[in-house]
Amino acid sequence: MPNTTDRRIYPGADGRPVVTPTRVARISDTATAYNLPERFVRRLADERRVATVKLGKYRLIDLDDLDRLLREGATPAEVTK
């Protein structure tokens, strides 16, 4: 697993630095790779519990952020109540 501090910093629209994740994947690909329900991953993104980046029509999940959340013990049953 890459170092989670390995992120790129770019100037944002307002001039403040914006940190962009280096490990990202589409929601459907993330659900398949992590063997999680797609609805669970989408819900985490909707509730802003994981960072996302919009790229065209795709919403990309920050995989480092998802790893952190899963290590903390988030489960599909907890989120989809």
PDB file of N, CA and C in Angstrom:
ATOM      1  N   MET A   1       0.855  -1.183   0.000  1.00  0.00           N
ATOM      2  CA  MET A   1       0.000   0.000   0.000  1.00  0.00           C
ATOM      3  C   MET A   1       0.895   1.237   0.000  1.00  0.00           C
ATOM      4  N   PRO A   2       0.585   2.191  -0.886  1.00  0.00           N
ATOM      5  CA  PRO A   2       1.400   3.409  -0.925  1.00  0.00           C
ATOM      6  C   PRO A   2       1.252   4.244   0.335  1.00  0.00           C
ATOM      7  N   ASN A   3       2.218   5.080   0.564  1.00  0.00           N
ATOM      8  CA  ASN A   3       2.192   5.990   1.699  1.00  0.00           C
ATOM      9  C   ASN A   3       0.980   6.920   1.564  1.00  0.00           C
ATOM     10  N   THR A   4       0.153   7.018   2.617  1.00  0.00           N
ATOM     11  CA  THR A   4      -1.050   7.836   2.542  1.00  0.00           C
ATOM     12  C   THR A   4      -0.738   9.323   2.512  1.00  0.00           C
ATOM     13  N   THR A   5       0.506   9.699   2.785  1.00  0.00           N
ATOM     14  CA  THR A   5       0.857  11.113   2.686  1.00  0.00           C
ATOM     15  C   THR A   5       1.295  11.470   1.271  1.00  0.00           C
ATOM     16  N   ASP A   6       1.324  10.483   0.377  1.00  0.00           N
ATOM     17  CA  ASP A   6       1.711  10.709  -1.010  1.00  0.00           C
ATOM     18  C   ASP A   6       0.522  11.262  -1.780  1.00  0.00           C
ATOM     19  N   ARG A   7       0.313  12.556  -1.670  1.00  0.00           N
ATOM     20  CA  ARG A   7      -0.790  13.226  -2.349  1.00  0.00           C
ATOM     21  C   ARG A   7      -0.250  14.443  -3.068  1.00  0.00           C
ATOM     22  N   ARG A   8      -0.956  14.875  -4.053  1.00  0.00           N
ATOM     23  CA  ARG A   8      -0.535  16.034  -4.836  1.00  0.00           C
ATOM     24  C   ARG A   8      -1.315  17.260  -4.376  1.00  0.00           C
ATOM     25  N   ILE A   9      -0.632  18.408  -4.308  1.00  0.00           N
ATOM     26  CA  ILE A   9      -1.261  19.646  -3.881  1.00  0.00           C
ATOM     27  C   ILE A   9      -1.281  20.607  -5.058  1.00  0.00           C
ATOM     28  N   TYR A  10      -2.479  21.090  -5.376  1.00  0.00           N
ATOM     29  CA  TYR A  10      -2.673  22.027  -6.475  1.00  0.00           C
ATOM     30  C   TYR A  10      -3.404  23.255  -5.947  1.00  0.00           C
ATOM     31  N   PRO A  11      -3.226  24.400  -6.601  1.00  0.00           N
ATOM     32  CA  PRO A  11      -4.003  25.576  -6.173  1.00  0.00           C
ATOM     33  C   PRO A  11      -5.467  25.418  -6.571  1.00  0.00           C
ATOM     34  N   GLY A  12      -6.368  25.712  -5.647  1.00  0.00           N
ATOM     35  CA  GLY A  12      -7.796  25.639  -5.919  1.00  0.00           C
ATOM     36  C   GLY A  12      -8.299  26.898  -6.602  1.00  0.00           C
ATOM     37  N   ALA A  13      -9.595  26.929  -6.887  1.00  0.00           N
ATOM     38  CA  ALA A  13     -10.197  28.072  -7.568  1.00  0.00           C
ATOM     39  C   ALA A  13     -10.045  29.356  -6.755  1.00  0.00           C
ATOM     40  N   ASP A  14     -10.044  29.223  -5.428  1.00  0.00           N
ATOM     41  CA  ASP A  14      -9.931  30.399  -4.578  1.00  0.00           C
ATOM     42  C   ASP A  14      -8.487  30.710  -4.178  1.00  0.00           C
ATOM     43  N   GLY A  15      -7.535  29.970  -4.759  1.00  0.00           N
ATOM     44  CA  GLY A  15      -6.129  30.219  -4.464  1.00  0.00           C
ATOM     45  C   GLY A  15      -5.562  29.386  -3.337  1.00  0.00           C
ATOM     46  N   ARG A  16      -6.428  28.793  -2.514  1.00  0.00           N
ATOM     47  CA  ARG A  16      -5.945  27.937  -1.426  1.00  0.00           C
ATOM     48  C   ARG A  16      -5.497  26.594  -1.986  1.00  0.00           C
ATOM     49  N   PRO A  17      -4.543  25.935  -1.344  1.00  0.00           N
ATOM     50  CA  PRO A  17      -4.082  24.644  -1.852  1.00  0.00           C
ATOM     51  C   PRO A  17      -5.163  23.565  -1.692  1.00  0.00           C
ATOM     52  N   VAL A  18      -5.251  22.723  -2.689  1.00  0.00           N
ATOM     53  CA  VAL A  18      -6.196  21.621  -2.679  1.00  0.00           C
ATOM     54  C   VAL A  18      -5.397  20.330  -2.771  1.00  0.00           C
ATOM     55  N   VAL A  19      -5.669  19.397  -1.863  1.00  0.00           N
ATOM     56  CA  VAL A  19      -4.982  18.116  -1.869  1.00  0.00           C
ATOM     57  C   VAL A  19      -5.817  17.132  -2.680  1.00  0.00           C
ATOM     58  N   THR A  20      -5.197  16.498  -3.655  1.00  0.00           N
ATOM     59  CA  THR A  20      -5.915  15.513  -4.459  1.00  0.00           C
ATOM     60  C   THR A  20      -5.375  14.124  -4.144  1.00  0.00           C
ATOM     61  N   PRO A  21      -6.243  13.151  -4.046  1.00  0.00           N
ATOM     62  CA  PRO A  21      -5.798  11.791  -3.744  1.00  0.00           C
ATOM     63  C   PRO A  21      -5.079  11.170  -4.932  1.00  0.00           C
ATOM     64  N   THR A  22      -4.177  10.243  -4.659  1.00  0.00           N
ATOM     65  CA  THR A  22      -3.444   9.573  -5.725  1.00  0.00           C
ATOM     66  C   THR A  22      -4.018   8.199  -6.021  1.00  0.00           C
ATOM     67  N   ARG A  23      -4.766   7.613  -5.102  1.00  0.00           N
ATOM     68  CA  ARG A  23      -5.399   6.303  -5.322  1.00  0.00           C
ATOM     69  C   ARG A  23      -6.905   6.513  -5.367  1.00  0.00           C
ATOM     70  N   VAL A  24      -7.485   6.465  -6.546  1.00  0.00           N
ATOM     71  CA  VAL A  24      -8.920   6.643  -6.695  1.00  0.00           C
ATOM     72  C   VAL A  24      -9.478   5.565  -7.608  1.00  0.00           C
ATOM     73  N   ALA A  25     -10.783   5.301  -7.470  1.00  0.00           N
ATOM     74  CA  ALA A  25     -11.457   4.337  -8.340  1.00  0.00           C
ATOM     75  C   ALA A  25     -12.932   4.695  -8.405  1.00  0.00           C
ATOM     76  N   ARG A  26     -13.584   4.268  -9.481  1.00  0.00           N
ATOM     77  CA  ARG A  26     -15.022   4.483  -9.613  1.00  0.00           C
ATOM     78  C   ARG A  26     -15.750   3.700  -8.527  1.00  0.00           C
ATOM     79  N   ILE A  27     -16.949   4.141  -8.215  1.00  0.00           N
ATOM     80  CA  ILE A  27     -17.732   3.508  -7.150  1.00  0.00           C
ATOM     81  C   ILE A  27     -17.964   2.035  -7.447  1.00  0.00           C
ATOM     82  N   SER A  28     -18.363   1.706  -8.676  1.00  0.00           N
ATOM     83  CA  SER A  28     -18.634   0.311  -9.016  1.00  0.00           C
ATOM     84  C   SER A  28     -17.377  -0.547  -8.923  1.00  0.00           C
ATOM     85  N   ASP A  29     -16.244  -0.014  -9.383  1.00  0.00           N
ATOM     86  CA  ASP A  29     -14.982  -0.752  -9.308  1.00  0.00           C
ATOM     87  C   ASP A  29     -14.528  -0.929  -7.860  1.00  0.00           C
ATOM     88  N   THR A  30     -14.749   0.091  -7.053  1.00  0.00           N
ATOM     89  CA  THR A  30     -14.389   0.013  -5.633  1.00  0.00           C
ATOM     90  C   THR A  30     -15.205  -1.066  -4.930  1.00  0.00           C
ATOM     91  N   ALA A  31     -16.500  -1.091  -5.190  1.00  0.00           N
ATOM     92  CA  ALA A  31     -17.373  -2.091  -4.564  1.00  0.00           C
ATOM     93  C   ALA A  31     -16.943  -3.499  -4.943  1.00  0.00           C
ATOM     94  N   THR A  32     -16.612  -3.695  -6.197  1.00  0.00           N
ATOM     95  CA  THR A  32     -16.174  -5.019  -6.655  1.00  0.00           C
ATOM     96  C   THR A  32     -14.843  -5.405  -6.025  1.00  0.00           C
ATOM     97  N   ALA A  33     -13.880  -4.503  -6.036  1.00  0.00           N
ATOM     98  CA  ALA A  33     -12.541  -4.795  -5.515  1.00  0.00           C
ATOM     99  C   ALA A  33     -12.550  -5.078  -4.017  1.00  0.00           C
ATOM    100  N   TYR A  34     -13.392  -4.376  -3.267  1.00  0.00           N
ATOM    101  CA  TYR A  34     -13.435  -4.536  -1.813  1.00  0.00           C
ATOM    102  C   TYR A  34     -14.514  -5.523  -1.373  1.00  0.00           C
ATOM    103  N   ASN A  35     -15.230  -6.117  -2.331  1.00  0.00           N
ATOM    104  CA  ASN A  35     -16.303  -7.058  -2.051  1.00  0.00           C
ATOM    105  C   ASN A  35     -17.349  -6.439  -1.109  1.00  0.00           C
ATOM    106  N   LEU A  36     -17.756  -5.219  -1.459  1.00  0.00           N
ATOM    107  CA  LEU A  36     -18.760  -4.482  -0.692  1.00  0.00           C
ATOM    108  C   LEU A  36     -19.957  -4.214  -1.594  1.00  0.00           C
ATOM    109  N   PRO A  37     -21.149  -4.070  -1.019  1.00  0.00           N
ATOM    110  CA  PRO A  37     -22.294  -3.679  -1.843  1.00  0.00           C
ATOM    111  C   PRO A  37     -22.069  -2.283  -2.436  1.00  0.00           C
ATOM    112  N   GLU A  38     -22.414  -2.122  -3.705  1.00  0.00           N
ATOM    113  CA  GLU A  38     -22.233  -0.826  -4.355  1.00  0.00           C
ATOM    114  C   GLU A  38     -23.026   0.248  -3.630  1.00  0.00           C
ATOM    115  N   ARG A  39     -24.192  -0.100  -3.127  1.00  0.00           N
ATOM    116  CA  ARG A  39     -25.028   0.860  -2.396  1.00  0.00           C
ATOM    117  C   ARG A  39     -24.301   1.392  -1.152  1.00  0.00           C
ATOM    118  N   PHE A  40     -23.560   0.515  -0.479  1.00  0.00           N
ATOM    119  CA  PHE A  40     -22.802   0.909   0.709  1.00  0.00           C
ATOM    120  C   PHE A  40     -21.741   1.954   0.350  1.00  0.00           C
ATOM    121  N   VAL A  41     -20.987   1.692  -0.715  1.00  0.00           N
ATOM    122  CA  VAL A  41     -19.932   2.614  -1.128  1.00  0.00           C
ATOM    123  C   VAL A  41     -20.551   3.944  -1.570  1.00  0.00           C
ATOM    124  N   ARG A  42     -21.643   3.864  -2.317  1.00  0.00           N
ATOM    125  CA  ARG A  42     -22.319   5.088  -2.772  1.00  0.00           C
ATOM    126  C   ARG A  42     -22.846   5.886  -1.576  1.00  0.00           C
ATOM    127  N   ARG A  43     -23.358   5.199  -0.577  1.00  0.00           N
ATOM    128  CA  ARG A  43     -23.889   5.867   0.620  1.00  0.00           C
ATOM    129  C   ARG A  43     -22.782   6.571   1.395  1.00  0.00           C
ATOM    130  N   LEU A  44     -21.624   5.911   1.512  1.00  0.00           N
ATOM    131  CA  LEU A  44     -20.485   6.546   2.182  1.00  0.00           C
ATOM    132  C   LEU A  44     -20.100   7.844   1.474  1.00  0.00           C
ATOM    133  N   ALA A  45     -20.127   7.811   0.157  1.00  0.00           N
ATOM    134  CA  ALA A  45     -19.795   9.010  -0.614  1.00  0.00           C
ATOM    135  C   ALA A  45     -20.869  10.075  -0.439  1.00  0.00           C
ATOM    136  N   ASP A  46     -22.151   9.672  -0.482  1.00  0.00           N
ATOM    137  CA  ASP A  46     -23.246  10.635  -0.326  1.00  0.00           C
ATOM    138  C   ASP A  46     -23.217  11.306   1.032  1.00  0.00           C
ATOM    139  N   GLU A  47     -22.865  10.549   2.067  1.00  0.00           N
ATOM    140  CA  GLU A  47     -22.811  11.091   3.431  1.00  0.00           C
ATOM    141  C   GLU A  47     -21.478  11.788   3.712  1.00  0.00           C
ATOM    142  N   ARG A  48     -20.615  11.827   2.710  1.00  0.00           N
ATOM    143  CA  ARG A  48     -19.290  12.457   2.820  1.00  0.00           C
ATOM    144  C   ARG A  48     -18.427  11.860   3.924  1.00  0.00           C
ATOM    145  N   ARG A  49     -18.574  10.564   4.096  1.00  0.00           N
ATOM    146  CA  ARG A  49     -17.722   9.864   5.057  1.00  0.00           C
ATOM    147  C   ARG A  49     -16.409   9.457   4.415  1.00  0.00           C
ATOM    148  N   VAL A  50     -16.378   9.423   3.068  1.00  0.00           N
ATOM    149  CA  VAL A  50     -15.133   9.215   2.321  1.00  0.00           C
ATOM    150  C   VAL A  50     -15.011  10.343   1.301  1.00  0.00           C
ATOM    151  N   ALA A  51     -13.780  10.710   1.014  1.00  0.00           N
ATOM    152  CA  ALA A  51     -13.546  11.779   0.048  1.00  0.00           C
ATOM    153  C   ALA A  51     -13.805  11.270  -1.366  1.00  0.00           C
ATOM    154  N   THR A  52     -14.377  12.134  -2.189  1.00  0.00           N
ATOM    155  CA  THR A  52     -14.621  11.797  -3.583  1.00  0.00           C
ATOM    156  C   THR A  52     -14.129  12.929  -4.479  1.00  0.00           C
ATOM    157  N   VAL A  53     -13.889  12.575  -5.721  1.00  0.00           N
ATOM    158  CA  VAL A  53     -13.485  13.538  -6.735  1.00  0.00           C
ATOM    159  C   VAL A  53     -14.390  13.307  -7.931  1.00  0.00           C
ATOM    160  N   LYS A  54     -14.946  14.371  -8.487  1.00  0.00           N
ATOM    161  CA  LYS A  54     -15.800  14.265  -9.667  1.00  0.00           C
ATOM    162  C   LYS A  54     -14.926  14.435 -10.900  1.00  0.00           C
ATOM    163  N   LEU A  55     -14.969  13.457 -11.808  1.00  0.00           N
ATOM    164  CA  LEU A  55     -14.191  13.511 -13.031  1.00  0.00           C
ATOM    165  C   LEU A  55     -15.120  13.178 -14.187  1.00  0.00           C
ATOM    166  N   GLY A  56     -15.587  14.214 -14.865  1.00  0.00           N
ATOM    167  CA  GLY A  56     -16.574  14.004 -15.923  1.00  0.00           C
ATOM    168  C   GLY A  56     -17.852  13.454 -15.335  1.00  0.00           C
ATOM    169  N   LYS A  57     -18.320  12.344 -15.866  1.00  0.00           N
ATOM    170  CA  LYS A  57     -19.539  11.737 -15.332  1.00  0.00           C
ATOM    171  C   LYS A  57     -19.253  10.767 -14.186  1.00  0.00           C
ATOM    172  N   TYR A  58     -17.986  10.554 -13.873  1.00  0.00           N
ATOM    173  CA  TYR A  58     -17.623   9.592 -12.837  1.00  0.00           C
ATOM    174  C   TYR A  58     -17.356  10.269 -11.507  1.00  0.00           C
ATOM    175  N   ARG A  59     -17.724   9.593 -10.453  1.00  0.00           N
ATOM    176  CA  ARG A  59     -17.410  10.008  -9.090  1.00  0.00           C
ATOM    177  C   ARG A  59     -16.382   9.020  -8.581  1.00  0.00           C
ATOM    178  N   LEU A  60     -15.201   9.494  -8.260  1.00  0.00           N
ATOM    179  CA  LEU A  60     -14.110   8.623  -7.856  1.00  0.00           C
ATOM    180  C   LEU A  60     -13.927   8.662  -6.346  1.00  0.00           C
ATOM    181  N   ILE A  61     -13.734   7.504  -5.768  1.00  0.00           N
ATOM    182  CA  ILE A  61     -13.554   7.349  -4.317  1.00  0.00           C
ATOM    183  C   ILE A  61     -12.069   7.390  -3.992  1.00  0.00           C
ATOM    184  N   ASP A  62     -11.707   8.115  -2.946  1.00  0.00           N
ATOM    185  CA  ASP A  62     -10.340   8.127  -2.434  1.00  0.00           C
ATOM    186  C   ASP A  62     -10.146   6.806  -1.682  1.00  0.00           C
ATOM    187  N   LEU A  63      -9.332   5.906  -2.229  1.00  0.00           N
ATOM    188  CA  LEU A  63      -9.172   4.578  -1.645  1.00  0.00           C
ATOM    189  C   LEU A  63      -8.453   4.610  -0.300  1.00  0.00           C
ATOM    190  N   ASP A  64      -7.539   5.560  -0.111  1.00  0.00           N
ATOM    191  CA  ASP A  64      -6.875   5.679   1.188  1.00  0.00           C
ATOM    192  C   ASP A  64      -7.893   6.043   2.265  1.00  0.00           C
ATOM    193  N   ASP A  65      -8.818   6.926   1.931  1.00  0.00           N
ATOM    194  CA  ASP A  65      -9.855   7.336   2.868  1.00  0.00           C
ATOM    195  C   ASP A  65     -10.803   6.162   3.179  1.00  0.00           C
ATOM    196  N   LEU A  66     -11.139   5.390   2.154  1.00  0.00           N
ATOM    197  CA  LEU A  66     -11.994   4.221   2.366  1.00  0.00           C
ATOM    198  C   LEU A  66     -11.288   3.189   3.230  1.00  0.00           C
ATOM    199  N   ASP A  67     -10.001   2.959   2.990  1.00  0.00           N
ATOM    200  CA  ASP A  67      -9.230   2.027   3.823  1.00  0.00           C
ATOM    201  C   ASP A  67      -9.273   2.459   5.286  1.00  0.00           C
ATOM    202  N   ARG A  68      -9.076   3.755   5.520  1.00  0.00           N
ATOM    203  CA  ARG A  68      -9.109   4.278   6.895  1.00  0.00           C
ATOM    204  C   ARG A  68     -10.455   4.024   7.546  1.00  0.00           C
ATOM    205  N   LEU A  69     -11.525   4.295   6.818  1.00  0.00           N
ATOM    206  CA  LEU A  69     -12.866   4.121   7.357  1.00  0.00           C
ATOM    207  C   LEU A  69     -13.152   2.655   7.673  1.00  0.00           C
ATOM    208  N   LEU A  70     -12.742   1.752   6.794  1.00  0.00           N
ATOM    209  CA  LEU A  70     -12.967   0.327   7.033  1.00  0.00           C
ATOM    210  C   LEU A  70     -12.133  -0.177   8.207  1.00  0.00           C
ATOM    211  N   ARG A  71     -10.912   0.353   8.368  1.00  0.00           N
ATOM    212  CA  ARG A  71     -10.090  -0.025   9.538  1.00  0.00           C
ATOM    213  C   ARG A  71     -10.760   0.412  10.832  1.00  0.00           C
ATOM    214  N   GLU A  72     -11.479   1.552  10.775  1.00  0.00           N
ATOM    215  CA  GLU A  72     -12.167   2.055  11.966  1.00  0.00           C
ATOM    216  C   GLU A  72     -13.422   1.237  12.276  1.00  0.00           C
ATOM    217  N   GLY A  73     -13.821   0.362  11.349  1.00  0.00           N
ATOM    218  CA  GLY A  73     -14.906  -0.555  11.645  1.00  0.00           C
ATOM    219  C   GLY A  73     -16.241  -0.265  10.993  1.00  0.00           C
ATOM    220  N   ALA A  74     -16.295   0.550   9.971  1.00  0.00           N
ATOM    221  CA  ALA A  74     -17.557   0.799   9.274  1.00  0.00           C
ATOM    222  C   ALA A  74     -18.018  -0.476   8.582  1.00  0.00           C
ATOM    223  N   THR A  75     -19.299  -0.778   8.697  1.00  0.00           N
ATOM    224  CA  THR A  75     -19.865  -1.970   8.068  1.00  0.00           C
ATOM    225  C   THR A  75     -21.095  -1.597   7.267  1.00  0.00           C
ATOM    226  N   PRO A  76     -21.449  -2.388   6.250  1.00  0.00           N
ATOM    227  CA  PRO A  76     -22.658  -2.090   5.479  1.00  0.00           C
ATOM    228  C   PRO A  76     -23.923  -2.048   6.334  1.00  0.00           C
ATOM    229  N   ALA A  77     -24.023  -2.889   7.342  1.00  0.00           N
ATOM    230  CA  ALA A  77     -25.220  -2.904   8.191  1.00  0.00           C
ATOM    231  C   ALA A  77     -25.365  -1.595   8.961  1.00  0.00           C
ATOM    232  N   GLU A  78     -24.264  -0.998   9.367  1.00  0.00           N
ATOM    233  CA  GLU A  78     -24.284   0.243  10.124  1.00  0.00           C
ATOM    234  C   GLU A  78     -24.762   1.421   9.260  1.00  0.00           C
ATOM    235  N   VAL A  79     -24.342   1.450   8.021  1.00  0.00           N
ATOM    236  CA  VAL A  79     -24.617   2.597   7.167  1.00  0.00           C
ATOM    237  C   VAL A  79     -25.980   2.513   6.490  1.00  0.00           C
ATOM    238  N   THR A  80     -26.433   1.331   6.117  1.00  0.00           N
ATOM    239  CA  THR A  80     -27.639   1.198   5.311  1.00  0.00           C
ATOM    240  C   THR A  80     -28.899   0.988   6.143  1.00  0.00           C
ATOM    241  N   LYS A  81     -28.895   1.328   7.412  1.00  0.00           N
ATOM    242  CA  LYS A  81     -30.087   1.189   8.261  1.00  0.00           C
ATOM    243  C   LYS A  81     -31.210   2.071   7.772  1.00  0.00           C
TER     244      LYS A  81
END
